[in-house]
Amino acid sequence: AQLVESGGGLAQPGGSLKLSCAGSEFTFSAFLMGWYRQAPGKECELVSSITTPGGPRNYADSVKGRFTISRDNGKNVLYLQMNSLKPEDTAVYYCRADLDGTFASRPICGPAVTDRGYWGQGTQVTVTS
């Protein structure tokens, strides 16, 4: 089973990027999904999480109104539309799938012993003029 992120890159302040996370070799629809990010010297921040395609979504205060999470269970893909980007959004972005875990910030992005799912390898987002 794996998660593969794509769509990261370089953007100007005020610009947009759309991240994708493709899941394979597991029952994507059964998993809770989320996006995390980690900048150098900072903790692994939970950016957003989603249950079902039409279900509840949660956002970090720092991205509310600018980022939108969505998922397409038919394509096994999780998305993060990022608008009005700011330099402080610069980080490596990771997607995570978990059967029933708590989605919360943690010191370092990556699997923990209590996780019941998967992490992607991360994609770099850099926002600079």
N, C-alpha and C. Protein backbone atom coordinates (compact mmCIF):
# COMPACT_ATOMS: atom_id res chain seq x y z
N ALA A 1 0.84 -1.19 0.00
CA ALA A 1 0.00 0.00 0.00
C ALA A 1 0.88 1.24 0.00
N GLN A 2 0.40 2.26 -0.72
CA GLN A 2 1.19 3.49 -0.73
C GLN A 2 0.34 4.70 -1.05
N LEU A 3 0.87 5.85 -0.66
CA LEU A 3 0.31 7.15 -0.99
C LEU A 3 1.40 7.95 -1.72
N VAL A 4 1.03 8.57 -2.81
CA VAL A 4 1.99 9.33 -3.59
C VAL A 4 1.45 10.73 -3.84
N GLU A 5 2.16 11.73 -3.29
CA GLU A 5 1.74 13.12 -3.47
C GLU A 5 2.33 13.69 -4.75
N SER A 6 1.64 14.67 -5.30
CA SER A 6 2.15 15.40 -6.45
C SER A 6 1.53 16.79 -6.44
N GLY A 7 2.07 17.67 -7.29
CA GLY A 7 1.50 19.00 -7.43
C GLY A 7 2.23 20.09 -6.69
N GLY A 8 3.22 19.73 -5.92
CA GLY A 8 4.00 20.75 -5.24
C GLY A 8 4.87 21.51 -6.22
N GLY A 9 5.50 22.57 -5.71
CA GLY A 9 6.38 23.35 -6.56
C GLY A 9 6.54 24.74 -6.03
N LEU A 10 6.87 25.64 -6.93
CA LEU A 10 7.14 27.03 -6.59
C LEU A 10 5.93 27.89 -6.95
N ALA A 11 5.53 28.77 -6.04
CA ALA A 11 4.43 29.68 -6.30
C ALA A 11 4.76 31.05 -5.73
N GLN A 12 4.16 32.06 -6.30
CA GLN A 12 4.32 33.42 -5.80
C GLN A 12 3.28 33.69 -4.72
N PRO A 13 3.54 34.60 -3.81
CA PRO A 13 2.52 34.99 -2.84
C PRO A 13 1.25 35.42 -3.55
N GLY A 14 0.12 34.93 -3.05
CA GLY A 14 -1.15 35.20 -3.69
C GLY A 14 -1.53 34.18 -4.75
N GLY A 15 -0.60 33.31 -5.09
CA GLY A 15 -0.86 32.31 -6.12
C GLY A 15 -1.56 31.08 -5.59
N SER A 16 -1.69 30.09 -6.46
CA SER A 16 -2.41 28.85 -6.13
C SER A 16 -1.61 27.64 -6.56
N LEU A 17 -1.83 26.56 -5.84
CA LEU A 17 -1.34 25.24 -6.20
C LEU A 17 -2.40 24.23 -5.80
N LYS A 18 -2.42 23.10 -6.50
CA LYS A 18 -3.32 22.03 -6.12
C LYS A 18 -2.51 20.75 -5.93
N LEU A 19 -2.54 20.23 -4.73
CA LEU A 19 -1.84 19.00 -4.41
C LEU A 19 -2.77 17.81 -4.61
N SER A 20 -2.20 16.71 -5.05
CA SER A 20 -2.94 15.46 -5.18
C SER A 20 -2.20 14.38 -4.40
N CYS A 21 -2.96 13.41 -3.93
CA CYS A 21 -2.39 12.28 -3.21
C CYS A 21 -3.11 11.03 -3.70
N ALA A 22 -2.42 10.20 -4.44
CA ALA A 22 -3.02 9.00 -5.00
C ALA A 22 -2.73 7.81 -4.10
N GLY A 23 -3.78 7.10 -3.74
CA GLY A 23 -3.63 5.91 -2.93
C GLY A 23 -3.75 4.66 -3.77
N SER A 24 -3.04 3.63 -3.37
CA SER A 24 -3.12 2.37 -4.10
C SER A 24 -2.90 1.21 -3.16
N GLU A 25 -3.45 0.07 -3.55
CA GLU A 25 -3.29 -1.19 -2.84
C GLU A 25 -3.88 -1.19 -1.44
N PHE A 26 -4.90 -0.39 -1.22
CA PHE A 26 -5.69 -0.47 0.00
C PHE A 26 -7.06 0.13 -0.30
N THR A 27 -8.03 -0.12 0.60
CA THR A 27 -9.40 0.33 0.38
C THR A 27 -9.50 1.80 0.76
N PHE A 28 -9.20 2.65 -0.21
CA PHE A 28 -9.09 4.09 0.01
C PHE A 28 -10.32 4.67 0.71
N SER A 29 -11.50 4.25 0.28
CA SER A 29 -12.74 4.84 0.79
C SER A 29 -12.96 4.57 2.28
N ALA A 30 -12.31 3.55 2.82
CA ALA A 30 -12.52 3.20 4.22
C ALA A 30 -11.69 4.03 5.18
N PHE A 31 -10.77 4.81 4.64
CA PHE A 31 -9.81 5.53 5.46
C PHE A 31 -10.15 7.01 5.61
N LEU A 32 -9.91 7.53 6.80
CA LEU A 32 -9.90 8.96 7.01
C LEU A 32 -8.65 9.50 6.34
N MET A 33 -8.72 10.73 5.82
CA MET A 33 -7.59 11.28 5.08
C MET A 33 -7.25 12.67 5.58
N GLY A 34 -5.98 13.03 5.47
CA GLY A 34 -5.59 14.36 5.90
C GLY A 34 -4.31 14.83 5.24
N TRP A 35 -4.09 16.12 5.31
CA TRP A 35 -2.86 16.75 4.83
C TRP A 35 -2.13 17.35 6.02
N TYR A 36 -0.84 17.13 6.07
CA TYR A 36 0.04 17.72 7.07
C TYR A 36 1.13 18.49 6.34
N ARG A 37 1.81 19.34 7.09
CA ARG A 37 2.97 20.02 6.52
C ARG A 37 4.03 20.22 7.59
N GLN A 38 5.27 20.25 7.14
CA GLN A 38 6.37 20.48 8.08
C GLN A 38 7.40 21.40 7.44
N ALA A 39 7.63 22.51 8.10
CA ALA A 39 8.66 23.45 7.69
C ALA A 39 9.90 23.22 8.56
N PRO A 40 11.07 23.60 8.08
CA PRO A 40 12.30 23.39 8.86
C PRO A 40 12.20 24.00 10.25
N GLY A 41 12.52 23.20 11.26
CA GLY A 41 12.51 23.69 12.63
C GLY A 41 11.15 23.78 13.28
N LYS A 42 10.10 23.37 12.57
CA LYS A 42 8.75 23.45 13.12
C LYS A 42 8.13 22.07 13.25
N GLU A 43 7.06 21.99 14.03
CA GLU A 43 6.40 20.71 14.20
C GLU A 43 5.64 20.34 12.94
N CYS A 44 5.19 19.12 12.90
CA CYS A 44 4.37 18.63 11.81
C CYS A 44 2.94 19.10 12.07
N GLU A 45 2.49 20.04 11.27
CA GLU A 45 1.19 20.68 11.48
C GLU A 45 0.10 20.00 10.67
N LEU A 46 -1.01 19.69 11.34
CA LEU A 46 -2.18 19.20 10.62
C LEU A 46 -2.80 20.37 9.88
N VAL A 47 -2.87 20.26 8.58
CA VAL A 47 -3.44 21.32 7.74
C VAL A 47 -4.95 21.13 7.60
N SER A 48 -5.35 19.91 7.26
CA SER A 48 -6.76 19.65 7.02
C SER A 48 -7.02 18.16 7.04
N SER A 49 -8.26 17.79 7.38
CA SER A 49 -8.64 16.39 7.35
C SER A 49 -10.07 16.26 6.84
N ILE A 50 -10.40 15.06 6.35
CA ILE A 50 -11.71 14.82 5.76
C ILE A 50 -12.11 13.38 6.03
N THR A 51 -13.40 13.16 6.23
CA THR A 51 -13.88 11.80 6.42
C THR A 51 -14.36 11.27 5.07
N THR A 52 -15.63 11.41 4.79
CA THR A 52 -16.19 10.99 3.52
C THR A 52 -16.18 12.16 2.55
N PRO A 53 -16.41 11.93 1.26
CA PRO A 53 -16.38 13.03 0.29
C PRO A 53 -17.32 14.18 0.66
N GLY A 54 -18.45 13.90 1.21
CA GLY A 54 -19.37 14.96 1.59
C GLY A 54 -19.42 15.22 3.07
N GLY A 55 -18.49 14.63 3.78
CA GLY A 55 -18.49 14.68 5.23
C GLY A 55 -17.73 15.85 5.81
N PRO A 56 -17.60 15.85 7.13
CA PRO A 56 -16.94 16.96 7.82
C PRO A 56 -15.50 17.16 7.38
N ARG A 57 -15.12 18.42 7.30
CA ARG A 57 -13.74 18.78 7.00
C ARG A 57 -13.24 19.69 8.09
N ASN A 58 -12.00 19.52 8.45
CA ASN A 58 -11.37 20.37 9.45
C ASN A 58 -10.18 21.07 8.84
N TYR A 59 -9.96 22.30 9.27
CA TYR A 59 -8.84 23.09 8.76
C TYR A 59 -8.10 23.75 9.91
N ALA A 60 -6.80 23.87 9.76
CA ALA A 60 -6.02 24.68 10.69
C ALA A 60 -6.44 26.13 10.52
N ASP A 61 -6.42 26.88 11.61
CA ASP A 61 -6.80 28.29 11.54
C ASP A 61 -5.96 29.05 10.52
N SER A 62 -4.72 28.64 10.36
CA SER A 62 -3.81 29.34 9.47
C SER A 62 -4.17 29.21 7.99
N VAL A 63 -5.03 28.24 7.66
CA VAL A 63 -5.37 28.03 6.24
C VAL A 63 -6.86 28.17 5.96
N LYS A 64 -7.66 28.39 6.99
CA LYS A 64 -9.10 28.51 6.79
C LYS A 64 -9.42 29.63 5.80
N GLY A 65 -10.33 29.32 4.88
CA GLY A 65 -10.72 30.31 3.88
C GLY A 65 -9.79 30.37 2.68
N ARG A 66 -8.66 29.68 2.76
CA ARG A 66 -7.71 29.70 1.65
C ARG A 66 -7.50 28.31 1.04
N PHE A 67 -7.55 27.28 1.85
CA PHE A 67 -7.32 25.91 1.39
C PHE A 67 -8.63 25.14 1.42
N THR A 68 -8.76 24.19 0.48
CA THR A 68 -9.93 23.32 0.42
C THR A 68 -9.49 21.88 0.22
N ILE A 69 -9.93 21.02 1.10
CA ILE A 69 -9.62 19.60 0.98
C ILE A 69 -10.80 18.89 0.32
N SER A 70 -10.49 17.90 -0.49
CA SER A 70 -11.54 17.09 -1.10
C SER A 70 -10.96 15.71 -1.42
N ARG A 71 -11.86 14.78 -1.70
CA ARG A 71 -11.41 13.44 -2.04
C ARG A 71 -12.34 12.86 -3.08
N ASP A 72 -11.78 12.01 -3.93
CA ASP A 72 -12.55 11.31 -4.95
C ASP A 72 -12.30 9.82 -4.72
N ASN A 73 -13.25 9.17 -4.08
CA ASN A 73 -13.06 7.76 -3.75
C ASN A 73 -13.09 6.88 -5.00
N GLY A 74 -13.72 7.36 -6.06
CA GLY A 74 -13.72 6.58 -7.30
C GLY A 74 -12.35 6.53 -7.95
N LYS A 75 -11.58 7.59 -7.74
CA LYS A 75 -10.23 7.65 -8.32
C LYS A 75 -9.14 7.37 -7.28
N ASN A 76 -9.56 7.20 -6.02
CA ASN A 76 -8.58 6.98 -4.93
C ASN A 76 -7.60 8.15 -4.82
N VAL A 77 -8.12 9.35 -4.86
CA VAL A 77 -7.26 10.53 -4.81
C VAL A 77 -7.77 11.53 -3.77
N LEU A 78 -6.85 12.08 -3.03
CA LEU A 78 -7.11 13.16 -2.09
C LEU A 78 -6.51 14.43 -2.67
N TYR A 79 -7.20 15.56 -2.50
CA TYR A 79 -6.74 16.82 -3.06
C TYR A 79 -6.61 17.88 -1.97
N LEU A 80 -5.76 18.86 -2.25
CA LEU A 80 -5.70 20.06 -1.43
C LEU A 80 -5.53 21.25 -2.36
N GLN A 81 -6.59 22.02 -2.53
CA GLN A 81 -6.53 23.25 -3.33
C GLN A 81 -6.04 24.37 -2.42
N MET A 82 -4.95 24.98 -2.79
CA MET A 82 -4.34 26.02 -1.98
C MET A 82 -4.37 27.34 -2.74
N ASN A 83 -5.12 28.29 -2.23
CA ASN A 83 -5.23 29.62 -2.85
C ASN A 83 -4.65 30.67 -1.92
N SER A 84 -4.43 31.84 -2.47
CA SER A 84 -3.90 32.97 -1.68
C SER A 84 -2.69 32.55 -0.86
N LEU A 85 -1.78 31.89 -1.51
CA LEU A 85 -0.62 31.34 -0.81
C LEU A 85 0.24 32.45 -0.20
N LYS A 86 0.83 32.11 0.94
CA LYS A 86 1.69 33.04 1.67
C LYS A 86 3.07 32.38 1.84
N PRO A 87 4.10 33.19 2.04
CA PRO A 87 5.43 32.60 2.27
C PRO A 87 5.44 31.62 3.43
N GLU A 88 4.61 31.85 4.44
CA GLU A 88 4.58 30.95 5.59
C GLU A 88 3.93 29.61 5.28
N ASP A 89 3.37 29.45 4.10
CA ASP A 89 2.85 28.15 3.69
C ASP A 89 3.97 27.24 3.16
N THR A 90 5.16 27.78 3.03
CA THR A 90 6.29 26.99 2.55
C THR A 90 6.59 25.85 3.51
N ALA A 91 6.60 24.63 2.98
CA ALA A 91 6.80 23.43 3.79
C ALA A 91 6.78 22.21 2.89
N VAL A 92 7.13 21.08 3.46
CA VAL A 92 6.88 19.81 2.80
C VAL A 92 5.49 19.35 3.23
N TYR A 93 4.66 19.02 2.25
CA TYR A 93 3.29 18.62 2.51
C TYR A 93 3.17 17.11 2.36
N TYR A 94 2.51 16.50 3.34
CA TYR A 94 2.33 15.05 3.37
C TYR A 94 0.85 14.71 3.43
N CYS A 95 0.46 13.64 2.78
CA CYS A 95 -0.89 13.13 2.99
C CYS A 95 -0.80 11.90 3.89
N ARG A 96 -1.90 11.67 4.59
CA ARG A 96 -1.97 10.56 5.52
C ARG A 96 -3.33 9.91 5.41
N ALA A 97 -3.34 8.61 5.48
CA ALA A 97 -4.58 7.83 5.53
C ALA A 97 -4.58 7.02 6.81
N ASP A 98 -5.70 7.00 7.49
CA ASP A 98 -5.77 6.21 8.72
C ASP A 98 -7.18 5.68 8.91
N LEU A 99 -7.28 4.46 9.44
CA LEU A 99 -8.58 3.83 9.62
C LEU A 99 -9.42 4.54 10.67
N ASP A 100 -8.82 4.93 11.77
CA ASP A 100 -9.62 5.52 12.84
C ASP A 100 -8.81 6.40 13.76
N GLY A 101 -7.63 6.81 13.29
CA GLY A 101 -6.74 7.57 14.15
C GLY A 101 -7.18 9.00 14.36
N THR A 102 -6.59 9.60 15.34
CA THR A 102 -6.79 11.02 15.61
C THR A 102 -5.86 11.82 14.72
N PHE A 103 -6.44 12.76 14.00
CA PHE A 103 -5.63 13.61 13.15
C PHE A 103 -5.30 14.88 13.94
N ALA A 104 -4.04 14.99 14.30
CA ALA A 104 -3.59 16.14 15.07
C ALA A 104 -2.12 16.39 14.76
N SER A 105 -1.68 17.58 15.06
CA SER A 105 -0.27 17.90 14.84
C SER A 105 0.61 17.00 15.71
N ARG A 106 1.81 16.76 15.25
CA ARG A 106 2.77 15.91 15.95
C ARG A 106 4.16 16.44 15.70
N PRO A 107 5.13 16.01 16.49
CA PRO A 107 6.48 16.59 16.35
C PRO A 107 7.09 16.42 14.96
N ILE A 108 6.96 15.21 14.42
CA ILE A 108 7.58 14.90 13.13
C ILE A 108 6.56 14.19 12.25
N CYS A 109 6.51 14.58 11.00
CA CYS A 109 5.60 13.93 10.07
C CYS A 109 6.10 12.52 9.78
N GLY A 110 5.18 11.57 9.83
CA GLY A 110 5.54 10.19 9.56
C GLY A 110 4.81 9.27 10.51
N PRO A 111 4.93 7.97 10.25
CA PRO A 111 4.17 6.98 11.03
C PRO A 111 4.51 6.97 12.51
N ALA A 112 3.50 6.72 13.32
CA ALA A 112 3.67 6.50 14.75
C ALA A 112 3.14 5.10 15.08
N VAL A 113 3.55 4.57 16.20
CA VAL A 113 3.18 3.19 16.54
C VAL A 113 1.67 3.04 16.69
N THR A 114 0.97 4.13 17.00
CA THR A 114 -0.47 4.05 17.19
C THR A 114 -1.25 4.23 15.88
N ASP A 115 -0.55 4.57 14.80
CA ASP A 115 -1.23 4.78 13.52
C ASP A 115 -1.74 3.45 12.95
N ARG A 116 -2.83 3.57 12.22
CA ARG A 116 -3.36 2.40 11.50
C ARG A 116 -3.56 2.81 10.05
N GLY A 117 -2.47 3.17 9.40
CA GLY A 117 -2.61 3.58 8.01
C GLY A 117 -1.29 3.89 7.38
N TYR A 118 -1.28 4.92 6.53
CA TYR A 118 -0.14 5.17 5.68
C TYR A 118 0.15 6.66 5.57
N TRP A 119 1.40 6.95 5.23
CA TRP A 119 1.85 8.29 4.93
C TRP A 119 2.48 8.33 3.55
N GLY A 120 2.35 9.47 2.89
CA GLY A 120 3.06 9.67 1.63
C GLY A 120 4.48 10.13 1.90
N GLN A 121 5.24 10.29 0.82
CA GLN A 121 6.65 10.65 0.95
C GLN A 121 6.86 12.16 1.05
N GLY A 122 5.82 12.94 0.76
CA GLY A 122 5.91 14.39 0.87
C GLY A 122 6.19 15.07 -0.45
N THR A 123 5.69 16.30 -0.58
CA THR A 123 5.96 17.12 -1.76
C THR A 123 6.25 18.54 -1.27
N GLN A 124 7.28 19.15 -1.84
CA GLN A 124 7.73 20.47 -1.39
C GLN A 124 6.86 21.56 -2.01
N VAL A 125 6.42 22.48 -1.18
CA VAL A 125 5.73 23.68 -1.63
C VAL A 125 6.55 24.88 -1.16
N THR A 126 6.93 25.72 -2.09
CA THR A 126 7.72 26.91 -1.78
C THR A 126 7.00 28.14 -2.30
N VAL A 127 6.72 29.06 -1.42
CA VAL A 127 6.03 30.29 -1.79
C VAL A 127 6.99 31.46 -1.59
N THR A 128 7.38 32.06 -2.70
CA THR A 128 8.34 33.15 -2.63
C THR A 128 8.19 34.05 -3.84
N SER A 129 8.53 35.32 -3.65
CA SER A 129 8.50 36.26 -4.76
C SER A 129 9.87 36.33 -5.43
